[in-house]
């Protein structure tokens, strides 16, 4: 290590890493407490190239709301983003050579609450300028050699390029380098062993151009499919198509090694062969545009956790320096939003003289609980992706649970309010129990019913009244009492969905305990994979609920 030659003035917060997580945290800290002296140290040099190719080009409701509304950057980020037409899925159909024969799950119009695709390079350049406008000191081209944490109330030290920076707080936002996590031995593995390979194409390719079938085109007129985060699904894998603001297209494969070995797609020639075998429609679209490919990157076993992310000793991890689950539902920006919210609250309270001992422990437990809850959506679930019926219903259920609980709490700015959360603990714990039961149920259902699938055609999940309303209600103003009621009733609707799932899978008109949702060896599994399944779910929920003051309430049993 090079001996530091100068000691710089003390900062309130030193953020190591000036990417998406670090820059947004710096902005949020200064917005919350303008007197804070915030330093960002970034290894790379600005400006970043457009479409700097990092995993995380798509955001969903929480992440988009964080950038646009919580940070107030909707207008500033205009040139870095594209409004996203939700998440769209194409399930296996014959040999996958004709997209119009593949069952499709998606939406036909924009949701009430939007989400975006974005260019990481453009976004980070804009964020840097915004941070500097707010008075954040951003130093780029800086190599951080060490972080020295104090064990008492004295400042921490960050040693970088021959300089020693003093800071009361240190936050690791270095992404997968995870400097502080490595130093403190906080890394934690999980059982989710999926890997990925991805690349960009400069040609203006669109999913809508994969077929000229008139019926298929009429299902989504005006070439709108390209504006979704498109998922091409198969047993053990999914392939993304994401349009970027500079006109290029990001394509990436995520696969479970139990189904697709990493070395079957970890080089460009191998990826080409893999696509020709499993996703021939994508291979055919790419073939004339080989010269327009801009890059090719891989990441083996990308999912990981952490033993701790926040400390009363005034250090924290944010973004991928802490945990990473899976890109399937585009949750990367959600976790940046969650962690930055927690860190901002800790810094603000500590800087005002408040003890954060208990709060840091509680926030750490809460954040890692969110990580484990999200992980359960993916871990062991990739085998389901080739079953159109079961995977479609899993996706609908996962959306339901997300909009009914976690996303709603974030939009209402309640995730960092322990006093409120204590009033809804029972409902949140029950939602987590329901989700755990549902994931196991989907795995067993898919295992026992591999041949059942909807016919080709499009399933529009916006036809589910309760689901579209929950999405729209994310922004609805609630009093604490109204929010507690909504969370309780949302949980009760999720219980109804569990009952319907069991009846759908077995054909038995039998009530079950939703928290013990499972298929036993005595239960039949019937081939009911028809395109009426979302209509059937909608009718089931409508028959058992009523809307009262904007809340979907479950009717009392007769």
Protein backbone atom coordinates (compact mmCIF):
# COMPACT_ATOMS: atom_id res chain seq x y z
CA UNK A 1 0.00 0.00 0.00
CA UNK A 2 1.29 3.46 -0.89
CA UNK A 3 1.76 5.60 2.21
CA UNK A 4 -0.72 8.49 2.21
CA UNK A 5 0.94 11.83 1.74
CA UNK A 6 -1.87 14.16 2.75
CA UNK A 7 -4.81 14.10 5.11
CA UNK A 8 -7.91 15.80 3.75
CA UNK A 9 -10.53 17.59 5.84
CA UNK A 10 -13.10 15.43 7.56
CA UNK A 11 -16.27 14.52 5.67
CA UNK A 12 -19.57 13.50 7.17
CA UNK A 13 -19.97 10.66 4.65
CA UNK A 14 -17.43 9.10 2.30
CA UNK A 15 -19.02 6.90 -0.38
CA UNK A 16 -16.59 4.55 -2.07
CA UNK A 17 -17.98 3.95 -5.55
CA UNK A 18 -19.61 6.49 -7.86
CA UNK A 19 -21.95 4.28 -9.84
CA UNK A 20 -25.72 4.11 -9.67
CA UNK A 21 -25.96 3.22 -5.97
CA UNK A 22 -23.27 5.58 -4.71
CA UNK A 23 -24.37 8.66 -6.66
CA UNK A 24 -28.05 8.28 -5.81
CA UNK A 25 -27.15 7.85 -2.13
CA UNK A 26 -25.05 11.03 -2.24
CA UNK A 27 -27.96 12.94 -3.79
CA UNK A 28 -30.45 11.57 -1.26
CA UNK A 29 -28.19 12.40 1.69
CA UNK A 30 -27.76 16.01 0.60
CA UNK A 31 -31.47 16.37 -0.13
CA UNK A 32 -32.36 15.04 3.32
CA UNK A 33 -29.61 16.90 5.23
CA UNK A 34 -28.12 19.74 3.13
CA UNK A 35 -25.44 20.48 5.73
CA UNK A 36 -23.75 17.10 5.24
CA UNK A 37 -20.28 17.18 3.69
CA UNK A 38 -20.43 14.20 1.28
CA UNK A 39 -17.53 12.75 -0.71
CA UNK A 40 -17.80 10.22 -3.57
CA UNK A 41 -14.68 8.36 -4.72
CA UNK A 42 -14.96 6.61 -8.10
CA UNK A 43 -12.34 4.37 -9.71
CA UNK A 44 -13.42 5.04 -13.32
CA UNK A 45 -13.20 8.41 -15.03
CA UNK A 46 -16.21 10.45 -16.04
CA UNK A 47 -17.91 10.83 -18.41
CA UNK A 48 -19.01 7.22 -18.63
CA UNK A 49 -19.63 5.90 -22.16
CA UNK A 50 -23.26 5.76 -23.24
CA UNK A 51 -24.83 2.40 -22.50
CA UNK A 52 -21.97 1.42 -20.19
CA UNK A 53 -22.88 -2.21 -20.17
CA UNK A 54 -23.67 -3.31 -16.65
CA UNK A 55 -26.42 -5.68 -15.56
CA UNK A 56 -29.31 -3.49 -14.48
CA UNK A 57 -30.75 -1.67 -17.48
CA UNK A 58 -34.35 -2.21 -16.45
CA UNK A 59 -36.24 -0.99 -13.41
CA UNK A 60 -39.68 -1.74 -12.06
CA UNK A 61 -42.03 0.30 -9.89
CA UNK A 62 -39.96 0.79 -6.73
CA UNK A 63 -36.70 1.60 -8.53
CA UNK A 64 -38.36 3.93 -11.03
CA UNK A 65 -40.27 5.73 -8.28
CA UNK A 66 -37.03 6.14 -6.33
CA UNK A 67 -35.18 7.81 -9.21
CA UNK A 68 -38.08 9.88 -10.52
CA UNK A 69 -40.04 10.88 -7.42
CA UNK A 70 -38.06 10.25 -4.23
CA UNK A 71 -34.96 11.89 -5.72
CA UNK A 72 -37.04 14.17 -7.96
CA UNK A 73 -34.97 13.39 -11.07
CA UNK A 74 -37.70 12.48 -13.56
CA UNK A 75 -37.00 15.43 -15.85
CA UNK A 76 -33.21 15.31 -15.42
CA UNK A 77 -33.10 11.62 -16.44
CA UNK A 78 -35.31 12.03 -19.52
CA UNK A 79 -32.53 11.39 -22.04
CA UNK A 80 -31.28 8.27 -20.24
CA UNK A 81 -34.53 6.31 -20.11
CA UNK A 82 -37.35 4.81 -22.14
CA UNK A 83 -40.84 4.34 -20.66
CA UNK A 84 -41.23 0.58 -20.25
CA UNK A 85 -44.35 -1.35 -21.22
CA UNK A 86 -43.95 -3.70 -18.29
CA UNK A 87 -42.42 -7.16 -18.28
CA UNK A 88 -43.41 -9.54 -21.11
CA UNK A 89 -42.91 -13.30 -21.37
CA UNK A 90 -42.86 -15.75 -24.29
CA UNK A 91 -43.08 -19.40 -23.24
CA UNK A 92 -41.95 -22.43 -25.25
CA UNK A 93 -43.93 -23.19 -28.39
CA UNK A 94 -42.98 -26.12 -30.61
CA UNK A 95 -39.31 -25.56 -31.55
CA UNK A 96 -39.42 -21.81 -30.67
CA UNK A 97 -38.75 -20.91 -34.33
CA UNK A 98 -42.01 -18.94 -34.70
CA UNK A 99 -42.82 -16.43 -31.98
CA UNK A 100 -46.52 -16.35 -32.86
CA UNK A 101 -46.83 -19.98 -31.71
CA UNK A 102 -45.45 -19.18 -28.25
CA UNK A 103 -47.85 -18.49 -25.36
CA UNK A 104 -47.39 -14.86 -24.31
CA UNK A 105 -47.99 -13.12 -20.97
CA UNK A 106 -47.90 -9.34 -20.88
CA UNK A 107 -49.83 -6.10 -20.90
CA UNK A 108 -51.45 -4.10 -23.70
CA UNK A 109 -51.11 -0.57 -22.30
CA UNK A 110 -49.04 1.35 -19.79
CA UNK A 111 -49.77 0.88 -16.11
CA UNK A 112 -50.96 3.75 -13.97
CA UNK A 113 -47.57 3.65 -12.24
CA UNK A 114 -44.74 3.55 -14.77
CA UNK A 115 -41.31 1.96 -14.98
CA UNK A 116 -38.32 2.46 -17.27
CA UNK A 117 -35.45 0.98 -19.24
CA UNK A 118 -32.29 3.07 -18.94
CA UNK A 119 -28.76 3.46 -20.22
CA UNK A 120 -26.42 3.07 -17.26
CA UNK A 121 -23.69 5.27 -18.70
CA UNK A 122 -26.01 8.16 -19.52
CA UNK A 123 -27.80 7.84 -16.19
CA UNK A 124 -24.60 7.85 -14.15
CA UNK A 125 -23.28 10.92 -16.00
CA UNK A 126 -26.50 12.78 -15.21
CA UNK A 127 -26.42 11.64 -11.58
CA UNK A 128 -22.86 12.86 -11.18
CA UNK A 129 -23.82 16.32 -12.44
CA UNK A 130 -26.86 16.40 -10.14
CA UNK A 131 -24.75 15.37 -7.15
CA UNK A 132 -22.19 18.08 -7.83
CA UNK A 133 -24.95 20.66 -8.22
CA UNK A 134 -26.09 19.73 -4.71
CA UNK A 135 -22.58 20.25 -3.35
CA UNK A 136 -21.35 16.66 -3.30
CA UNK A 137 -17.61 16.37 -3.92
CA UNK A 138 -17.05 13.72 -6.62
CA UNK A 139 -13.49 12.56 -7.31
CA UNK A 140 -13.07 10.18 -10.24
CA UNK A 141 -10.07 8.19 -11.47
CA UNK A 142 -9.30 7.43 -7.82
CA UNK A 143 -7.98 4.06 -6.65
CA UNK A 144 -9.13 3.22 -3.12
CA UNK A 145 -6.42 1.18 -1.44
CA UNK A 146 -7.85 0.66 2.03
CA UNK A 147 -10.64 1.56 4.41
CA UNK A 148 -9.64 1.91 8.06
CA UNK A 149 -12.63 1.69 10.38
CA UNK A 150 -12.39 3.18 13.85
CA UNK A 151 -13.75 1.23 16.80
CA UNK A 152 -14.86 4.31 18.73
CA UNK A 153 -16.35 7.72 17.99
CA UNK A 154 -13.34 8.92 16.00
CA UNK A 155 -13.50 9.24 12.19
CA UNK A 156 -12.94 6.39 9.77
CA UNK A 157 -10.25 6.76 7.10
CA UNK A 158 -10.31 5.99 3.39
CA UNK A 159 -6.88 5.77 1.78
CA UNK A 160 -6.90 6.47 -1.94
CA UNK A 161 -4.20 7.46 -4.43
CA UNK A 162 -1.81 8.73 -1.80
CA UNK A 163 -4.43 10.65 0.18
CA UNK A 164 -6.11 9.94 3.50
CA UNK A 165 -9.76 11.00 3.72
CA UNK A 166 -11.40 11.28 7.13
CA UNK A 167 -15.12 10.56 7.36
CA UNK A 168 -17.59 9.97 10.13
CA UNK A 169 -19.50 7.51 7.93
CA UNK A 170 -18.12 5.21 5.24
CA UNK A 171 -20.41 3.54 2.69
CA UNK A 172 -19.23 0.82 0.31
CA UNK A 173 -20.89 1.27 -3.10
CA UNK A 174 -18.18 -0.50 -5.11
CA UNK A 175 -20.49 -3.11 -6.62
CA UNK A 176 -19.16 -6.65 -6.91
CA UNK A 177 -15.70 -5.56 -5.76
CA UNK A 178 -17.32 -5.15 -2.33
CA UNK A 179 -14.21 -3.66 -0.68
CA UNK A 180 -15.66 -3.30 2.79
CA UNK A 181 -17.52 -6.60 2.70
CA UNK A 182 -14.29 -8.40 1.83
CA UNK A 183 -12.32 -6.55 4.49
CA UNK A 184 -14.86 -7.46 7.20
CA UNK A 185 -15.46 -11.00 5.89
CA UNK A 186 -19.19 -10.36 5.44
CA UNK A 187 -19.68 -12.32 2.20
CA UNK A 188 -22.39 -14.96 2.26
CA UNK A 189 -23.24 -17.43 -0.48
CA UNK A 190 -26.66 -18.85 -1.31
CA UNK A 191 -28.00 -21.85 -3.20
CA UNK A 192 -29.05 -19.84 -6.26
CA UNK A 193 -26.34 -20.89 -8.73
CA UNK A 194 -27.57 -19.22 -11.93
CA UNK A 195 -25.12 -17.51 -14.30
CA UNK A 196 -25.44 -15.07 -17.18
CA UNK A 197 -23.98 -13.93 -20.51
CA UNK A 198 -25.04 -10.74 -22.27
CA UNK A 199 -24.21 -8.45 -25.15
CA UNK A 200 -25.41 -5.37 -27.02
CA UNK A 201 -26.31 -5.05 -30.70
CA UNK A 202 -26.12 -1.70 -32.46
CA UNK A 203 -28.80 -2.62 -35.01
CA UNK A 204 -32.37 -1.43 -34.46
CA UNK A 205 -33.89 -4.88 -33.82
CA UNK A 206 -37.37 -5.29 -32.33
CA UNK A 207 -39.35 -8.25 -31.04
CA UNK A 208 -42.29 -6.98 -33.11
CA UNK A 209 -40.36 -7.78 -36.31
CA UNK A 210 -40.04 -11.48 -35.48
CA UNK A 211 -43.35 -12.27 -37.17
CA UNK A 212 -45.68 -10.71 -39.74
CA UNK A 213 -48.59 -12.92 -38.62
CA UNK A 214 -51.62 -10.60 -38.64
CA UNK A 215 -53.35 -12.17 -35.65
CA UNK A 216 -50.20 -11.93 -33.55
CA UNK A 217 -49.60 -8.33 -34.61
CA UNK A 218 -53.18 -7.32 -33.76
CA UNK A 219 -52.76 -8.54 -30.20
CA UNK A 220 -50.24 -5.69 -29.65
CA UNK A 221 -50.67 -3.04 -32.38
CA UNK A 222 -48.23 -0.26 -33.24
CA UNK A 223 -45.10 -2.34 -32.59
CA UNK A 224 -45.34 -1.89 -28.82
CA UNK A 225 -43.85 -5.20 -27.68
CA UNK A 226 -40.35 -3.82 -28.16
CA UNK A 227 -40.95 -1.36 -25.30
CA UNK A 228 -41.30 -4.14 -22.75
CA UNK A 229 -38.53 -5.98 -21.00
CA UNK A 230 -39.07 -9.12 -23.09
CA UNK A 231 -38.35 -12.53 -21.57
CA UNK A 232 -37.98 -15.61 -23.80
CA UNK A 233 -38.63 -18.49 -21.44
CA UNK A 234 -37.59 -22.12 -21.35
CA UNK A 235 -36.97 -24.87 -18.83
CA UNK A 236 -34.08 -23.61 -16.70
CA UNK A 237 -33.48 -20.30 -18.50
CA UNK A 238 -34.76 -16.98 -19.75
CA UNK A 239 -33.38 -14.62 -22.38
CA UNK A 240 -33.89 -10.87 -22.15
CA UNK A 241 -34.38 -8.27 -24.91
CA UNK A 242 -34.08 -4.71 -23.55
CA UNK A 243 -34.12 -1.60 -25.79
CA UNK A 244 -31.73 1.20 -24.77
CA UNK A 245 -32.13 4.94 -25.19
CA UNK A 246 -29.22 5.20 -27.66
CA UNK A 247 -31.03 2.86 -30.06
CA UNK A 248 -29.02 -0.27 -29.26
CA UNK A 249 -30.47 -3.51 -27.96
CA UNK A 250 -29.31 -5.47 -24.91
CA UNK A 251 -29.72 -9.27 -25.08
CA UNK A 252 -28.81 -11.53 -22.21
CA UNK A 253 -29.19 -15.12 -21.10
CA UNK A 254 -29.70 -16.20 -17.48
CA UNK A 255 -29.61 -19.95 -16.85
CA UNK A 256 -29.64 -22.50 -14.06
CA UNK A 257 -26.65 -24.88 -14.35
CA UNK A 258 -28.89 -27.83 -13.52
CA UNK A 259 -30.43 -27.30 -16.96
CA UNK A 260 -27.81 -25.37 -18.98
CA UNK A 261 -24.11 -25.53 -18.20
CA UNK A 262 -22.27 -22.22 -18.06
CA UNK A 263 -19.65 -23.48 -20.52
CA UNK A 264 -22.39 -24.07 -23.12
CA UNK A 265 -22.81 -20.30 -23.64
CA UNK A 266 -19.85 -18.50 -22.00
CA UNK A 267 -18.14 -17.46 -25.27
CA UNK A 268 -19.67 -15.76 -28.28
CA UNK A 269 -19.42 -18.83 -30.57
CA UNK A 270 -20.97 -20.97 -27.83
CA UNK A 271 -23.71 -18.42 -27.28
CA UNK A 272 -24.49 -18.44 -31.02
CA UNK A 273 -24.79 -22.24 -30.96
CA UNK A 274 -26.93 -22.10 -27.82
CA UNK A 275 -29.31 -19.59 -29.41
CA UNK A 276 -29.62 -21.64 -32.58
CA UNK A 277 -30.63 -24.65 -30.50
CA UNK A 278 -32.92 -23.06 -27.89
CA UNK A 279 -33.96 -19.64 -29.25
CA UNK A 280 -33.77 -19.93 -33.05
CA UNK A 281 -35.95 -16.85 -33.63
CA UNK A 282 -33.39 -14.69 -31.81
CA UNK A 283 -30.53 -16.40 -33.65
CA UNK A 284 -32.22 -15.70 -36.99
CA UNK A 285 -32.73 -12.02 -36.13
CA UNK A 286 -29.09 -11.62 -35.10
CA UNK A 287 -27.50 -13.49 -38.02
CA UNK A 288 -27.47 -10.57 -40.53
CA UNK A 289 -26.13 -8.16 -37.88
CA UNK A 290 -23.00 -9.89 -36.60
CA UNK A 291 -20.91 -6.80 -37.37
CA UNK A 292 -23.11 -4.62 -35.16
CA UNK A 293 -22.43 -6.59 -31.95
CA UNK A 294 -20.79 -4.18 -29.50
CA UNK A 295 -19.59 -6.46 -26.70
CA UNK A 296 -20.00 -9.78 -24.91
CA UNK A 297 -19.75 -10.35 -21.16
CA UNK A 298 -20.41 -13.09 -18.67
CA UNK A 299 -20.98 -13.50 -14.95
CA UNK A 300 -20.82 -16.91 -13.31
CA UNK A 301 -22.97 -17.53 -10.24
CA UNK A 302 -24.00 -13.91 -9.80
CA UNK A 303 -26.28 -14.19 -6.76
CA UNK A 304 -24.95 -13.62 -3.24
CA UNK A 305 -25.85 -12.26 0.18
CA UNK A 306 -24.14 -10.61 3.13
CA UNK A 307 -23.93 -11.30 6.83
CA UNK A 308 -24.41 -7.62 7.63
CA UNK A 309 -25.01 -4.43 5.62
CA UNK A 310 -25.57 -1.66 8.22
CA UNK A 311 -23.68 -1.00 11.45
CA UNK A 312 -24.10 1.28 14.45
CA UNK A 313 -20.34 1.86 14.00
CA UNK A 314 -21.26 4.17 11.10
CA UNK A 315 -20.52 2.03 8.06
CA UNK A 316 -22.85 0.53 5.47
CA UNK A 317 -23.02 -1.37 2.19
CA UNK A 318 -25.35 -0.36 -0.63
CA UNK A 319 -26.32 -1.76 -4.02
CA UNK A 320 -24.35 -4.75 -5.28
CA UNK A 321 -21.65 -4.18 -2.68
CA UNK A 322 -24.16 -5.76 -0.31
CA UNK A 323 -26.46 -8.33 -1.92
CA UNK A 324 -27.69 -9.35 -5.37
CA UNK A 325 -30.57 -11.71 -6.02
CA UNK A 326 -31.47 -12.19 -9.70
CA UNK A 327 -32.37 -9.93 -12.68
CA UNK A 328 -35.57 -11.80 -13.63
CA UNK A 329 -38.00 -9.19 -12.20
CA UNK A 330 -35.46 -6.34 -12.56
CA UNK A 331 -35.05 -5.80 -8.77
CA UNK A 332 -31.56 -4.27 -8.80
CA UNK A 333 -32.77 -0.67 -8.57
CA UNK A 334 -35.32 -1.70 -5.94
CA UNK A 335 -32.51 -2.86 -3.68
CA UNK A 336 -30.57 0.35 -4.29
CA UNK A 337 -33.69 2.25 -3.23
CA UNK A 338 -34.21 0.10 -0.13
CA UNK A 339 -30.60 0.29 1.08
CA UNK A 340 -30.21 4.00 0.33
CA UNK A 341 -33.42 4.76 2.22
CA UNK A 342 -32.16 2.88 5.27
CA UNK A 343 -28.70 4.47 5.13
CA UNK A 344 -30.10 7.98 4.69
CA UNK A 345 -32.33 7.50 7.73
CA UNK A 346 -29.43 6.19 9.83
CA UNK A 347 -27.11 9.03 8.83
CA UNK A 348 -29.78 11.69 9.36
CA UNK A 349 -30.71 10.44 12.82
CA UNK A 350 -27.11 9.93 13.92
CA UNK A 351 -26.04 13.34 12.66
CA UNK A 352 -28.82 14.93 14.73
CA UNK A 353 -27.42 13.33 17.88
CA UNK A 354 -29.83 10.40 18.12
CA UNK A 355 -28.57 6.94 19.10
CA UNK A 356 -28.89 4.53 16.18
CA UNK A 357 -27.82 1.36 18.01
CA UNK A 358 -31.23 -0.32 17.92
CA UNK A 359 -32.23 1.25 14.60
CA UNK A 360 -29.15 -0.07 12.78
CA UNK A 361 -29.84 -3.59 14.06
CA UNK A 362 -33.48 -3.36 13.02
CA UNK A 363 -32.76 -1.95 9.55
CA UNK A 364 -30.08 -4.56 8.97
CA UNK A 365 -32.51 -7.35 9.86
CA UNK A 366 -35.24 -5.78 7.71
CA UNK A 367 -33.04 -5.36 4.63
CA UNK A 368 -31.64 -8.89 4.79
CA UNK A 369 -35.17 -10.19 5.25
CA UNK A 370 -36.16 -8.41 2.03
CA UNK A 371 -33.19 -10.02 0.29
CA UNK A 372 -34.21 -13.50 1.46
CA UNK A 373 -37.84 -12.94 0.51
CA UNK A 374 -36.89 -11.85 -3.01
CA UNK A 375 -34.40 -14.72 -3.30
CA UNK A 376 -37.18 -17.25 -2.66
CA UNK A 377 -38.86 -16.11 -5.89
CA UNK A 378 -35.90 -17.41 -7.94
CA UNK A 379 -34.08 -20.06 -5.93
CA UNK A 380 -35.00 -23.48 -7.32
CA UNK A 381 -37.68 -21.94 -9.55
CA UNK A 382 -35.99 -21.86 -12.97
CA UNK A 383 -37.26 -25.32 -13.83
CA UNK A 384 -40.79 -23.86 -13.84
CA UNK A 385 -40.01 -21.45 -16.68
CA UNK A 386 -40.72 -23.99 -19.39
CA UNK A 387 -44.28 -24.58 -18.12
CA UNK A 388 -46.42 -21.77 -19.55
CA UNK A 389 -49.41 -22.26 -17.26
CA UNK A 390 -47.57 -22.61 -13.97
CA UNK A 391 -44.97 -19.95 -14.75
CA UNK A 392 -47.67 -17.49 -15.85
CA UNK A 393 -49.53 -17.96 -12.60
CA UNK A 394 -46.32 -17.74 -10.59
CA UNK A 395 -45.54 -14.42 -12.25
CA UNK A 396 -49.04 -13.10 -11.60
CA UNK A 397 -48.80 -14.21 -7.99
CA UNK A 398 -45.36 -12.63 -7.54
CA UNK A 399 -46.64 -9.32 -8.96
CA UNK A 400 -49.61 -9.53 -6.60
CA UNK A 401 -47.49 -10.03 -3.49
CA UNK A 402 -45.03 -7.29 -4.54
CA UNK A 403 -47.66 -4.62 -5.21
CA UNK A 404 -49.74 -5.66 -2.18
CA UNK A 405 -46.97 -5.29 0.38
CA UNK A 406 -43.33 -4.31 -0.20
CA UNK A 407 -43.90 -1.88 -3.06
CA UNK A 408 -46.88 -0.33 -1.29
CA UNK A 409 -44.85 0.25 1.89
CA UNK A 410 -42.04 1.83 -0.14
CA UNK A 411 -44.32 4.15 -2.10
CA UNK A 412 -45.98 5.22 1.14
CA UNK A 413 -42.49 5.86 2.64
CA UNK A 414 -43.09 3.46 5.53
CA UNK A 415 -40.21 0.98 5.22
CA UNK A 416 -38.04 3.22 7.41
CA UNK A 417 -40.74 3.85 10.03
CA UNK A 418 -40.39 1.11 12.67
CA UNK A 419 -43.28 2.53 14.68
CA UNK A 420 -45.73 2.01 11.81
CA UNK A 421 -44.28 -1.33 10.77
CA UNK A 422 -44.91 -2.70 14.24
CA UNK A 423 -48.65 -2.11 13.70
CA UNK A 424 -48.69 -4.26 10.54
CA UNK A 425 -46.14 -6.91 11.53
CA UNK A 426 -48.67 -9.74 11.57
CA UNK A 427 -49.87 -9.00 8.05
CA UNK A 428 -46.33 -8.69 6.66
CA UNK A 429 -45.24 -11.94 8.31
CA UNK A 430 -48.33 -13.67 6.89
CA UNK A 431 -47.60 -12.36 3.39
CA UNK A 432 -44.08 -13.80 3.66
CA UNK A 433 -45.50 -17.16 4.81
CA UNK A 434 -47.95 -17.16 1.90
CA UNK A 435 -45.15 -16.44 -0.57
CA UNK A 436 -43.02 -19.26 0.78
CA UNK A 437 -45.91 -21.72 0.49
CA UNK A 438 -46.72 -20.52 -3.03
CA UNK A 439 -43.18 -21.04 -4.38
CA UNK A 440 -43.04 -24.63 -3.16
CA UNK A 441 -46.51 -25.24 -4.61
CA UNK A 442 -45.51 -23.94 -8.05
CA UNK A 443 -42.44 -26.20 -8.11
CA UNK A 444 -44.48 -29.29 -7.29
CA UNK A 445 -47.28 -28.38 -9.69
CA UNK A 446 -44.82 -27.89 -12.55
CA UNK A 447 -43.02 -31.14 -11.74
CA UNK A 448 -46.24 -33.13 -11.87
CA UNK A 449 -47.85 -31.33 -14.83
CA UNK A 450 -45.06 -30.73 -17.33
CA UNK A 451 -47.28 -31.12 -20.39
CA UNK A 452 -50.07 -28.69 -19.49
CA UNK A 453 -49.82 -25.29 -21.16
CA UNK A 454 -52.05 -22.55 -22.55
CA UNK A 455 -52.56 -22.56 -26.29
CA UNK A 456 -50.62 -20.02 -28.31
CA UNK A 457 -51.97 -16.52 -27.86
CA UNK A 458 -51.65 -13.66 -25.41
CA UNK A 459 -52.63 -13.55 -21.74
CA UNK A 460 -53.14 -9.96 -20.57
CA UNK A 461 -52.66 -9.75 -16.82
CA UNK A 462 -54.16 -6.24 -16.84
CA UNK A 463 -57.56 -7.95 -17.12
CA UNK A 464 -57.19 -8.87 -13.44
CA UNK A 465 -59.11 -6.08 -11.76
CA UNK A 466 -57.62 -6.43 -8.29
CA UNK A 467 -54.06 -6.53 -9.69
CA UNK A 468 -54.39 -3.42 -11.85
CA UNK A 469 -56.00 -1.58 -8.94
CA UNK A 470 -53.21 -2.58 -6.54
CA UNK A 471 -50.66 -1.25 -9.03
CA UNK A 472 -52.52 2.04 -9.40
CA UNK A 473 -52.97 2.36 -5.64
CA UNK A 474 -49.24 2.45 -5.01
CA UNK A 475 -49.42 6.24 -5.37
CA UNK A 476 -52.74 6.66 -3.61
CA UNK A 477 -52.55 8.87 -0.48
CA UNK A 478 -53.25 6.83 2.65
CA UNK A 479 -53.49 7.75 6.29
CA UNK A 480 -51.68 5.31 8.57
CA UNK A 481 -55.02 3.77 9.53
CA UNK A 482 -56.11 3.42 5.89
CA UNK A 483 -52.77 1.88 4.93
CA UNK A 484 -52.97 -0.67 7.72
CA UNK A 485 -56.46 -1.66 6.53
CA UNK A 486 -55.29 -1.92 2.92
CA UNK A 487 -52.33 -4.14 3.87
CA UNK A 488 -54.59 -6.44 5.88
CA UNK A 489 -57.14 -6.76 3.09
CA UNK A 490 -54.42 -7.26 0.48
CA UNK A 491 -53.14 -10.17 2.53
CA UNK A 492 -56.63 -11.65 2.69
CA UNK A 493 -56.96 -11.42 -1.11
CA UNK A 494 -53.62 -13.25 -1.42
CA UNK A 495 -55.13 -15.98 0.75
CA UNK A 496 -58.01 -16.27 -1.72
CA UNK A 497 -55.54 -16.59 -4.59
CA UNK A 498 -53.92 -19.54 -2.81
CA UNK A 499 -57.29 -21.28 -2.56
CA UNK A 500 -57.93 -20.65 -6.27
CA UNK A 501 -54.47 -21.96 -7.23
CA UNK A 502 -55.13 -25.24 -5.44
CA UNK A 503 -58.53 -25.58 -7.10
CA UNK A 504 -57.02 -24.74 -10.49
CA UNK A 505 -54.27 -27.33 -10.18
CA UNK A 506 -56.46 -30.16 -8.88
CA UNK A 507 -59.90 -29.43 -10.31
CA UNK A 508 -61.25 -29.92 -6.76
CA UNK A 509 -63.67 -27.33 -5.38
CA UNK A 510 -62.08 -27.59 -1.96
CA UNK A 511 -61.11 -24.92 0.55
CA UNK A 512 -57.61 -25.30 1.99
CA UNK A 513 -55.42 -23.60 4.56
CA UNK A 514 -53.59 -21.02 2.40
CA UNK A 515 -50.52 -21.10 4.63
CA UNK A 516 -50.12 -24.83 4.04
CA UNK A 517 -50.68 -24.72 0.29
CA UNK A 518 -49.30 -27.93 -1.17
CA UNK A 519 -50.05 -30.86 -3.42
CA UNK A 520 -50.04 -34.28 -1.79
CA UNK A 521 -49.58 -37.63 -3.48
CA UNK A 522 -53.36 -38.12 -3.29
CA UNK A 523 -54.20 -34.90 -5.11
CA UNK A 524 -54.96 -35.10 -8.83
CA UNK A 525 -53.30 -32.64 -11.19
CA UNK A 526 -55.52 -31.87 -14.16
CA UNK A 527 -54.47 -30.48 -17.56
CA UNK A 528 -56.37 -27.20 -17.37
CA UNK A 529 -53.91 -24.99 -19.23
CA UNK A 530 -56.32 -22.89 -21.25
CA UNK A 531 -56.36 -19.21 -22.05
CA UNK A 532 -59.28 -18.60 -19.70
CA UNK A 533 -57.19 -18.97 -16.57
CA UNK A 534 -56.79 -15.25 -15.82
CA UNK A 535 -60.48 -14.69 -16.48
CA UNK A 536 -61.23 -17.55 -14.08
CA UNK A 537 -59.02 -16.02 -11.39
CA UNK A 538 -60.61 -12.61 -11.89
CA UNK A 539 -64.12 -14.07 -11.56
CA UNK A 540 -63.10 -15.98 -8.42
CA UNK A 541 -61.71 -12.87 -6.70
CA UNK A 542 -64.62 -10.64 -7.77
CA UNK A 543 -67.13 -13.13 -6.36
CA UNK A 544 -65.49 -13.02 -2.95
CA UNK A 545 -64.52 -9.38 -2.57
CA UNK A 546 -66.04 -5.94 -2.64
CA UNK A 547 -64.37 -2.58 -3.08
CA UNK A 548 -64.90 -0.26 -0.13
CA UNK A 549 -63.27 3.19 -0.06
CA UNK A 550 -60.75 2.03 -2.67
CA UNK A 551 -59.76 -1.15 -0.80
CA UNK A 552 -60.46 -4.66 -2.10
CA UNK A 553 -62.12 -6.20 0.95
CA UNK A 554 -62.86 -9.88 1.36
CA UNK A 555 -66.54 -10.48 2.02
CA UNK A 556 -67.39 -12.21 5.28
CA UNK A 557 -68.15 -15.90 4.96
CA UNK A 558 -71.87 -16.63 4.71
